[in-house]
Every structure is written in C-alpha cells, then in structure tokens.
Amino acid sequence: MLRRPEARDRAAFVELLASPEVHTYLGGPRAREELERELPAAPEQWPGSFAVELDGEMIGQILLRRAPAEHRPAAAGRADLGYLFLPRAWGLGYAAEACSAALDWFDGVLPGEPVVLATQTANTASMRLAAKLGFTEVERFRAWDAEQWLGRRPPASPHRDQYGDGESDSGLR
C-alpha cells in the first residue's frame, strides 16, 4: 500500500538511510547517530512522497520530485522517480508494484509528462526494474566515481482528471 509518510515511520526511515546494503549504489549510508539527531519526529509530507506499507509496517519509500537544475540536462526539471526499500523487501516484487502505482498516480495528476530515473549501471536490480517500468536509456555518464544510467519513461496519454476539466495541480516539487 502507498500512503503518506507518518511519524510512526521514523524508525524505518532511519533504517533505510543508515543501511549499507540500501546505499551500496547511492554513495554510502549516513551515520545512524546523525540520523537520530537530525530526522524530524514526523517526516515532511508533500505530493509525490510515499511510504510503502506491508502488513502495517513501512518497507520502503517512493519519491517523485523535480530533478534539480544541476542534474544532467536531459533530467533537469523533469519528474524524477526514486525509491528505497529495506533489504528484507528485496526480490519480492514490491518495488515494481509500488513504483508502478506511484507512476499511475503521477499520470493521473500530471498527464502527458515524462518521468526520468537515474541509477548506477552496476545496480543490475535497479536496471531491471527501470526496464520493467518502461524506462529507456537516454544517456550514460560518470558521477560519484561510477557509471550512471539515465532513463526516460514516455508520458502517458493525457486524460481527464477526477474533476473532468483536464487541469490538475499536483504540487510536485
């Protein structure tokens, strides 16, 4: 289930951000003590930020946000899909299901917009997931001492929003 992050998810966020396994391809984990000091009691809530819940517990996070201007030109200003899952949830299809649901949400609030995704080419599981979700390669580049892959998912066909006027303000940041 995708839902808004809540205060009860704080321990799972700390675990995600401090996990060496989760951050193998993301520049390394942050120190648990630092996270305990710095993370707010309740996570920031904004459109495009989802907690992934299984059996009442957070197992991952999905983010859809605007890629910053300092990113690759092909990604700058585009919606950027990111995801983190706890190792105990790996290999069970939860990332594919959750990312697909988040992309469906995105298509509903911002129809006609493409989405980008960047990952290290060494992260074969993430590369497989990107292909499964319909991302195709735009470019490869070096960053953070590793080869990176940037993929793009074509925009979904525009359709009417829930109000029938074709207009939507997602607040996506």
Protein backbone atom coordinates (compact mmCIF):
# COMPACT_ATOMS: atom_id res chain seq x y z
CA MET A 1 0.00 0.00 0.00
CA LEU A 2 1.21 3.51 -0.80
CA ARG A 3 0.41 6.18 1.75
CA ARG A 4 1.68 9.45 3.15
CA PRO A 5 4.69 9.10 5.45
CA GLU A 6 3.75 9.31 9.12
CA ALA A 7 5.52 9.83 12.45
CA ARG A 8 5.36 6.05 13.09
CA ASP A 9 7.69 5.59 10.08
CA ARG A 10 10.64 7.40 11.65
CA ALA A 11 12.47 4.21 12.70
CA ALA A 12 12.06 2.74 9.18
CA PHE A 13 13.42 5.97 7.64
CA VAL A 14 16.45 5.79 9.94
CA GLU A 15 16.95 2.14 8.98
CA LEU A 16 16.66 2.95 5.24
CA LEU A 17 19.10 5.86 5.37
CA ALA A 18 21.63 4.09 7.62
CA SER A 19 21.63 0.77 5.76
CA PRO A 20 24.91 -0.08 3.98
CA GLU A 21 23.01 -2.53 1.75
CA VAL A 22 20.42 0.06 0.69
CA HIS A 23 23.12 2.64 -0.03
CA THR A 24 25.58 0.38 -1.89
CA TYR A 25 24.91 2.33 -5.10
CA LEU A 26 23.91 5.63 -3.50
CA GLY A 27 27.18 6.92 -2.11
CA GLY A 28 27.08 5.06 1.20
CA PRO A 29 24.89 5.18 4.29
CA ARG A 30 24.55 8.03 6.75
CA ALA A 31 25.55 7.53 10.38
CA ARG A 32 22.65 6.25 12.48
CA GLU A 33 23.51 8.65 15.33
CA GLU A 34 23.41 11.60 12.94
CA LEU A 35 20.05 10.48 11.56
CA GLU A 36 18.61 10.03 15.05
CA ARG A 37 19.61 13.63 15.83
CA GLU A 38 18.58 15.24 12.55
CA LEU A 39 15.44 13.50 11.28
CA PRO A 40 12.25 15.21 12.40
CA ALA A 41 9.78 13.31 14.56
CA ALA A 42 7.33 13.33 11.65
CA PRO A 43 8.54 13.17 8.04
CA GLU A 44 7.86 16.04 5.71
CA GLN A 45 4.72 15.38 3.72
CA TRP A 46 4.41 16.57 0.14
CA PRO A 47 2.80 15.26 -3.04
CA GLY A 48 4.97 12.62 -4.67
CA SER A 49 6.40 11.27 -1.40
CA PHE A 50 5.02 7.87 -0.45
CA ALA A 51 5.68 5.35 2.29
CA VAL A 52 5.32 1.78 1.07
CA GLU A 53 3.50 -0.28 3.68
CA LEU A 54 3.24 -4.04 4.04
CA ASP A 55 1.35 -5.66 6.91
CA GLY A 56 1.20 -2.37 8.80
CA GLU A 57 4.93 -1.58 8.55
CA MET A 58 6.86 0.71 6.26
CA ILE A 59 9.18 -1.31 3.99
CA GLY A 60 10.19 1.41 1.56
CA GLN A 61 9.82 4.88 0.16
CA ILE A 62 8.91 6.16 -3.29
CA LEU A 63 9.73 9.71 -4.35
CA LEU A 64 8.56 11.57 -7.41
CA ARG A 65 10.15 15.02 -7.43
CA ARG A 66 11.57 17.54 -9.85
CA ALA A 67 15.19 16.81 -10.78
CA PRO A 68 17.36 19.77 -9.72
CA ALA A 69 18.91 22.04 -12.34
CA GLU A 70 22.42 20.72 -11.56
CA HIS A 71 21.38 17.26 -12.81
CA ARG A 72 22.07 16.17 -16.34
CA PRO A 73 20.40 18.46 -18.90
CA ALA A 74 18.12 15.60 -20.01
CA ALA A 75 16.80 15.31 -16.44
CA ALA A 76 16.70 18.92 -15.21
CA GLY A 77 13.20 20.00 -14.26
CA ARG A 78 11.67 16.63 -15.13
CA ALA A 79 9.85 14.43 -12.68
CA ASP A 80 12.44 12.05 -11.22
CA LEU A 81 11.45 8.65 -9.76
CA GLY A 82 13.44 7.46 -6.76
CA TYR A 83 12.90 4.53 -4.44
CA LEU A 84 14.44 2.88 -1.40
CA PHE A 85 13.40 -0.46 0.07
CA LEU A 86 14.59 -2.27 3.16
CA PRO A 87 16.66 -5.37 2.26
CA ARG A 88 14.04 -7.71 3.74
CA ALA A 89 11.64 -6.50 0.99
CA TRP A 90 14.05 -7.06 -1.92
CA GLY A 91 13.36 -9.61 -4.63
CA LEU A 92 9.66 -10.00 -3.83
CA GLY A 93 8.18 -7.66 -6.44
CA TYR A 94 7.21 -4.91 -4.00
CA ALA A 95 9.37 -2.25 -5.68
CA ALA A 96 7.85 -2.94 -9.10
CA GLU A 97 4.31 -2.89 -7.72
CA ALA A 98 4.85 0.26 -5.63
CA CYS A 99 6.70 2.18 -8.36
CA SER A 100 4.03 1.24 -10.89
CA ALA A 101 1.31 2.52 -8.53
CA ALA A 102 3.22 5.77 -7.93
CA LEU A 103 3.66 6.25 -11.69
CA ASP A 104 -0.08 5.66 -12.18
CA TRP A 105 -0.73 8.37 -9.56
CA PHE A 106 1.67 10.68 -11.38
CA ASP A 107 -0.02 10.04 -14.73
CA GLY A 108 -3.33 10.99 -13.14
CA VAL A 109 -2.14 14.32 -11.72
CA LEU A 110 0.30 15.34 -14.46
CA PRO A 111 -0.78 13.55 -17.63
CA GLY A 112 1.46 13.98 -20.61
CA GLU A 113 4.68 14.47 -18.62
CA PRO A 114 7.63 12.11 -18.95
CA VAL A 115 9.49 10.76 -15.92
CA VAL A 116 13.23 10.16 -15.58
CA LEU A 117 15.15 7.71 -13.41
CA ALA A 118 18.89 7.57 -12.73
CA THR A 119 20.80 4.62 -11.33
CA GLN A 120 24.28 3.17 -11.39
CA THR A 121 24.77 0.69 -14.20
CA ALA A 122 26.29 -1.68 -11.62
CA ASN A 123 22.92 -1.81 -9.85
CA THR A 124 21.51 -4.59 -12.01
CA ALA A 125 18.31 -4.96 -9.95
CA SER A 126 17.51 -1.27 -10.44
CA MET A 127 18.32 -1.50 -14.14
CA ARG A 128 15.90 -4.46 -14.49
CA LEU A 129 13.21 -2.56 -12.59
CA ALA A 130 13.66 0.52 -14.81
CA ALA A 131 13.17 -1.62 -17.92
CA LYS A 132 10.12 -3.33 -16.41
CA LEU A 133 8.59 0.09 -15.67
CA GLY A 134 9.09 1.23 -19.27
CA PHE A 135 12.19 3.43 -18.91
CA THR A 136 14.57 3.51 -21.86
CA GLU A 137 18.12 4.79 -21.90
CA VAL A 138 18.72 8.46 -22.59
CA GLU A 139 22.40 8.57 -21.68
CA ARG A 140 25.20 7.17 -19.56
CA PHE A 141 27.56 9.40 -17.63
CA ARG A 142 30.10 9.29 -14.81
CA ALA A 143 29.26 10.67 -11.41
CA TRP A 144 30.22 9.73 -7.88
CA ASP A 145 33.09 7.61 -9.27
CA ALA A 146 30.74 5.26 -11.11
CA GLU A 147 28.94 4.91 -14.43
CA GLN A 148 25.36 6.19 -14.15
CA TRP A 149 22.38 5.42 -16.35
CA LEU A 150 19.62 7.91 -17.08
CA GLY A 151 16.35 6.54 -18.40
CA ARG A 152 13.15 8.21 -19.50
CA ARG A 153 9.61 6.92 -19.39
CA PRO A 154 7.46 8.45 -22.09
CA PRO A 155 4.47 10.42 -20.95
CA ALA A 156 1.19 8.59 -20.53
CA SER A 157 -1.62 9.66 -22.78
CA PRO A 158 -3.29 12.73 -21.30
CA HIS A 159 -6.68 12.02 -19.78
CA ARG A 160 -9.18 13.91 -17.78
CA ASP A 161 -8.64 14.36 -14.08
CA GLN A 162 -11.19 13.50 -11.41
CA TYR A 163 -12.99 16.83 -11.95
CA GLY A 164 -13.26 16.29 -15.70
CA ASP A 165 -11.59 19.56 -16.65
CA GLY A 166 -8.16 18.20 -17.60
CA GLU A 167 -6.49 20.51 -15.09
CA SER A 168 -4.56 19.38 -12.06
CA ASP A 169 -2.18 20.99 -9.62
CA SER A 170 -0.14 18.20 -8.10
CA GLY A 171 2.19 20.42 -6.10
CA LEU A 172 5.04 18.16 -7.27
CA ARG A 173 8.39 19.56 -6.09
